[in-house]
Amino acid sequence: MRALSTKLKPASGFSHFLHLGLTMLLPALVFVLIRMNFVVPALAVVLMSKWRMLAVRPRYWPANVRANAVDMMVGLAVVVFMSHTDAASWHLAWAFLYGVWLIFIKPGSSLLLVSVQAFIGQSMALMALFLEWKTIPLVGLVFSLWAICYLTARHFFTSFDESHTSLYSHAWGYFAAALGWILGHWLLFYGSVAQPTLLLSVVGLVSGALYYLEETDRLSVVWRRQFVFLLVAILVVILVFSSWGDKTI
């Protein structure tokens, strides 16, 4: 298996640079399509770049979709972000960041990098969701929040060989869906960031950091108290100083 992986992703020499060049074709193509205002084709290109996950028997498709979900979230979110601005500099910046994701972050397999992948995927997908569909029906919003958080949680917990991966992932997805159901009636925005995105990102980051430190035997009482205090403080600031009203903002 390792030999096959080495052939597909060479580590040095001409083949390595060829592989990098082919990888960078995706963000370059997305950049060109967005500059031409072809948003739907750009989304299609991102999805078609994952064609290999369906090049197996159908019974393996669900597992492959779960394994590639975070990468697809990032790619689709980049297209959404690029489509919401006409500035070529921002288009180029997002294309560059997408290339960084594809070359440096996505291939990582260490516990830290996989954790970072999950956090980036969840945060970007949530931001893109509320940016693109601010008027999405509440049922669709709840389902989307569940799907995003469930899939990113599976990505996170699988790297730790967690025996309760499915349970914890469903629990996080249910929490996100319940939060979306409640806050969807009073949807607040801080600039372009929706309140559910901010809350889920903060809770997910702190919870994930605590779990990571615990699993790597680096979680001390001091660290636990600091993280919990930080979480409570941020949530209090967000909830207390938000302009709650009887209408969607």
Protein backbone atom coordinates (compact mmCIF):
# COMPACT_ATOMS: atom_id res chain seq x y z
CA MET A 1 0.00 0.00 0.00
CA ARG A 2 2.82 2.38 0.88
CA ALA A 3 4.54 1.58 -2.45
CA LEU A 4 1.33 2.40 -4.34
CA SER A 5 0.95 5.67 -2.45
CA THR A 6 4.52 6.60 -3.29
CA LYS A 7 3.85 6.03 -6.99
CA LEU A 8 0.70 8.13 -6.93
CA LYS A 9 2.30 10.94 -4.92
CA PRO A 10 6.05 10.92 -5.65
CA ALA A 11 8.17 12.59 -2.99
CA SER A 12 11.00 13.89 -5.16
CA GLY A 13 12.33 14.35 -8.67
CA PHE A 14 10.58 15.34 -11.88
CA SER A 15 7.52 13.24 -11.06
CA HIS A 16 7.08 15.18 -7.82
CA PHE A 17 7.05 18.54 -9.60
CA LEU A 18 4.75 17.12 -12.27
CA HIS A 19 2.35 15.99 -9.57
CA LEU A 20 2.43 19.45 -7.95
CA GLY A 21 1.79 21.08 -11.32
CA LEU A 22 -1.22 18.87 -12.01
CA THR A 23 -2.55 19.56 -8.52
CA MET A 24 -2.28 23.31 -9.04
CA LEU A 25 -4.32 23.04 -12.24
CA LEU A 26 -7.49 22.75 -10.14
CA PRO A 27 -7.25 26.13 -8.32
CA ALA A 28 -5.99 27.72 -11.55
CA LEU A 29 -9.00 26.41 -13.48
CA VAL A 30 -11.37 27.53 -10.73
CA PHE A 31 -9.77 31.00 -10.85
CA VAL A 32 -10.27 31.25 -14.61
CA LEU A 33 -13.89 30.08 -14.45
CA ILE A 34 -14.76 32.52 -11.67
CA ARG A 35 -13.13 35.39 -13.60
CA MET A 36 -15.40 34.44 -16.50
CA ASN A 37 -18.35 34.39 -14.08
CA PHE A 38 -18.92 30.66 -14.61
CA VAL A 39 -19.77 29.79 -11.00
CA VAL A 40 -21.71 26.58 -11.62
CA PRO A 41 -18.99 25.11 -13.88
CA ALA A 42 -16.43 26.00 -11.18
CA LEU A 43 -18.48 24.09 -8.60
CA ALA A 44 -18.77 21.18 -11.05
CA VAL A 45 -15.00 21.13 -11.61
CA VAL A 46 -14.38 20.84 -7.86
CA LEU A 47 -16.82 17.94 -7.61
CA MET A 48 -15.49 16.21 -10.73
CA SER A 49 -11.96 16.39 -9.33
CA LYS A 50 -13.13 13.75 -6.82
CA TRP A 51 -14.25 11.31 -9.52
CA ARG A 52 -11.96 8.59 -8.18
CA MET A 53 -14.07 8.13 -5.06
CA LEU A 54 -16.84 6.74 -7.32
CA ALA A 55 -14.51 4.62 -9.47
CA VAL A 56 -15.22 1.61 -7.25
CA ARG A 57 -18.17 -0.62 -6.51
CA PRO A 58 -21.24 1.32 -5.29
CA ARG A 59 -21.10 -0.29 -1.86
CA TYR A 60 -17.87 1.64 -1.20
CA TRP A 61 -19.29 5.01 -2.25
CA PRO A 62 -20.61 6.11 1.19
CA ALA A 63 -17.24 5.44 2.83
CA ASN A 64 -15.38 7.27 0.06
CA VAL A 65 -17.74 10.24 0.23
CA ARG A 66 -17.18 10.50 4.00
CA ALA A 67 -13.42 10.27 3.52
CA ASN A 68 -13.42 13.04 0.88
CA ALA A 69 -16.14 15.22 2.41
CA VAL A 70 -13.81 17.73 4.09
CA ASP A 71 -11.81 18.27 0.90
CA MET A 72 -15.00 18.84 -1.07
CA MET A 73 -16.27 21.28 1.57
CA VAL A 74 -13.12 23.37 1.30
CA GLY A 75 -13.18 23.39 -2.50
CA LEU A 76 -16.86 24.31 -2.75
CA ALA A 77 -16.47 26.98 -0.05
CA VAL A 78 -13.57 28.56 -1.95
CA VAL A 79 -15.78 28.82 -5.06
CA VAL A 80 -18.57 30.43 -2.99
CA PHE A 81 -16.17 32.94 -1.43
CA MET A 82 -14.70 33.81 -4.83
CA SER A 83 -18.15 34.24 -6.38
CA HIS A 84 -19.10 36.88 -3.80
CA THR A 85 -16.47 39.37 -4.90
CA ASP A 86 -15.48 40.90 -8.22
CA ALA A 87 -11.94 41.82 -7.16
CA ALA A 88 -9.30 39.90 -9.10
CA SER A 89 -6.91 40.22 -6.14
CA TRP A 90 -9.33 38.34 -3.88
CA HIS A 91 -9.92 35.71 -6.54
CA LEU A 92 -6.17 35.20 -6.82
CA ALA A 93 -5.76 35.09 -3.03
CA TRP A 94 -8.45 32.42 -2.63
CA ALA A 95 -6.98 30.39 -5.50
CA PHE A 96 -3.56 30.58 -3.82
CA LEU A 97 -4.99 29.49 -0.45
CA TYR A 98 -6.81 26.63 -2.16
CA GLY A 99 -3.48 25.55 -3.64
CA VAL A 100 -1.89 25.67 -0.18
CA TRP A 101 -4.70 23.45 1.08
CA LEU A 102 -4.27 20.92 -1.75
CA ILE A 103 -0.47 20.71 -1.53
CA PHE A 104 0.40 21.19 2.14
CA ILE A 105 -2.66 20.64 4.35
CA LYS A 106 -4.90 18.09 2.66
CA PRO A 107 -2.20 15.37 2.21
CA GLY A 108 -1.24 15.51 5.91
CA SER A 109 -1.94 12.38 7.95
CA SER A 110 -0.62 13.34 11.39
CA LEU A 111 -3.09 13.82 14.24
CA LEU A 112 -2.45 17.56 14.30
CA LEU A 113 -2.90 18.07 10.55
CA VAL A 114 -6.03 15.93 10.39
CA SER A 115 -7.46 17.96 13.27
CA VAL A 116 -6.61 21.18 11.43
CA GLN A 117 -8.25 19.80 8.28
CA ALA A 118 -11.47 19.11 10.17
CA PHE A 119 -11.55 22.58 11.75
CA ILE A 120 -10.82 24.36 8.47
CA GLY A 121 -13.39 22.27 6.59
CA GLN A 122 -16.13 22.88 9.16
CA SER A 123 -15.48 26.62 9.50
CA MET A 124 -15.29 27.27 5.76
CA ALA A 125 -18.35 25.14 4.99
CA LEU A 126 -20.43 26.89 7.66
CA MET A 127 -19.36 30.33 6.46
CA ALA A 128 -20.14 29.43 2.85
CA LEU A 129 -23.52 27.96 3.83
CA PHE A 130 -24.77 31.15 5.47
CA LEU A 131 -23.10 33.38 2.91
CA GLU A 132 -24.75 31.66 -0.05
CA TRP A 133 -28.12 30.72 1.45
CA LYS A 134 -29.08 33.36 4.00
CA THR A 135 -32.75 32.68 3.26
CA ILE A 136 -32.50 28.88 3.21
CA PRO A 137 -35.60 27.18 4.73
CA LEU A 138 -35.09 26.27 8.38
CA VAL A 139 -35.39 22.54 7.69
CA GLY A 140 -32.69 22.78 5.02
CA LEU A 141 -30.50 24.82 7.36
CA VAL A 142 -30.81 22.25 10.15
CA PHE A 143 -30.00 19.35 7.82
CA SER A 144 -27.02 21.18 6.30
CA LEU A 145 -25.60 21.99 9.73
CA TRP A 146 -25.98 18.37 10.80
CA ALA A 147 -24.27 17.07 7.64
CA ILE A 148 -21.34 19.50 7.82
CA CYS A 149 -20.62 18.93 11.51
CA TYR A 150 -21.21 15.18 11.37
CA LEU A 151 -18.81 14.68 8.46
CA THR A 152 -16.08 16.90 9.89
CA ALA A 153 -16.39 15.19 13.27
CA ARG A 154 -15.95 11.77 11.63
CA HIS A 155 -12.88 13.10 9.85
CA PHE A 156 -11.49 14.28 13.19
CA PHE A 157 -12.25 11.24 15.34
CA THR A 158 -11.25 8.62 12.75
CA SER A 159 -7.62 9.73 12.92
CA PHE A 160 -7.54 8.86 16.64
CA ASP A 161 -8.93 5.33 16.13
CA GLU A 162 -11.77 6.33 18.44
CA SER A 163 -14.06 3.38 19.15
CA HIS A 164 -17.06 5.69 19.56
CA THR A 165 -16.47 7.71 16.38
CA SER A 166 -20.00 7.24 15.07
CA LEU A 167 -21.61 8.14 18.41
CA TYR A 168 -19.51 11.26 18.97
CA SER A 169 -19.97 12.38 15.36
CA HIS A 170 -23.74 12.02 15.54
CA ALA A 171 -23.75 13.86 18.88
CA TRP A 172 -21.82 16.81 17.40
CA GLY A 173 -24.06 16.81 14.34
CA TYR A 174 -27.16 16.77 16.56
CA PHE A 175 -25.80 19.64 18.65
CA ALA A 176 -25.19 21.69 15.50
CA ALA A 177 -28.66 20.89 14.15
CA ALA A 178 -30.33 21.81 17.46
CA LEU A 179 -28.35 25.04 17.65
CA GLY A 180 -29.34 25.86 14.08
CA TRP A 181 -33.00 25.14 14.84
CA ILE A 182 -32.96 27.58 17.77
CA LEU A 183 -30.80 30.35 16.32
CA GLY A 184 -32.36 30.03 12.89
CA HIS A 185 -35.31 32.00 14.25
CA TRP A 186 -33.02 34.88 15.26
CA LEU A 187 -30.24 34.64 12.70
CA LEU A 188 -27.64 37.28 13.56
CA PHE A 189 -24.59 38.25 11.53
CA TYR A 190 -21.30 39.79 12.63
CA GLY A 191 -20.15 41.24 9.35
CA SER A 192 -20.33 38.25 7.00
CA VAL A 193 -20.06 35.62 9.77
CA ALA A 194 -23.33 34.14 11.05
CA GLN A 195 -23.74 33.59 14.77
CA PRO A 196 -24.14 29.77 14.46
CA THR A 197 -20.86 29.65 12.52
CA LEU A 198 -19.05 31.57 15.24
CA LEU A 199 -20.52 29.52 18.09
CA LEU A 200 -19.90 26.15 16.44
CA SER A 201 -16.36 27.15 15.48
CA VAL A 202 -15.51 28.27 19.02
CA VAL A 203 -17.08 25.24 20.72
CA GLY A 204 -15.59 22.88 18.14
CA LEU A 205 -12.11 24.37 18.41
CA VAL A 206 -12.01 24.24 22.21
CA SER A 207 -13.56 20.76 22.41
CA GLY A 208 -11.26 19.44 19.70
CA ALA A 209 -8.20 20.94 21.38
CA LEU A 210 -9.13 19.36 24.73
CA TYR A 211 -9.68 15.98 23.07
CA TYR A 212 -6.42 16.24 21.13
CA LEU A 213 -4.40 17.11 24.24
CA GLU A 214 -6.08 14.33 26.21
CA GLU A 215 -5.35 11.71 23.55
CA THR A 216 -1.71 12.83 23.23
CA ASP A 217 -1.23 12.85 27.04
CA ARG A 218 -0.58 16.61 27.16
CA LEU A 219 -3.74 17.79 28.90
CA SER A 220 -3.00 19.18 32.34
CA VAL A 221 -5.44 20.61 34.86
CA VAL A 222 -4.18 24.11 34.10
CA TRP A 223 -4.75 23.68 30.36
CA ARG A 224 -8.24 22.29 30.96
CA ARG A 225 -9.22 25.21 33.17
CA GLN A 226 -7.84 27.75 30.72
CA PHE A 227 -9.68 26.25 27.76
CA VAL A 228 -12.97 25.98 29.67
CA PHE A 229 -12.65 29.57 30.95
CA LEU A 230 -11.88 30.79 27.42
CA LEU A 231 -14.87 28.94 26.01
CA VAL A 232 -17.28 30.27 28.65
CA ALA A 233 -15.92 33.82 28.33
CA ILE A 234 -16.31 33.87 24.53
CA LEU A 235 -19.80 32.40 24.63
CA VAL A 236 -20.92 34.91 27.27
CA VAL A 237 -19.58 37.82 25.20
CA ILE A 238 -21.28 36.53 22.05
CA LEU A 239 -24.65 35.87 23.68
CA VAL A 240 -24.83 38.86 26.02
CA PHE A 241 -23.69 41.54 23.60
CA SER A 242 -25.69 40.27 20.61
CA SER A 243 -28.60 42.47 19.50
CA TRP A 244 -31.45 40.02 20.06
CA GLY A 245 -34.74 40.99 18.51
CA ASP A 246 -37.90 39.64 16.94
CA LYS A 247 -36.58 39.68 13.40
CA THR A 248 -33.80 38.15 11.33
CA ILE A 249 -30.81 40.39 10.82
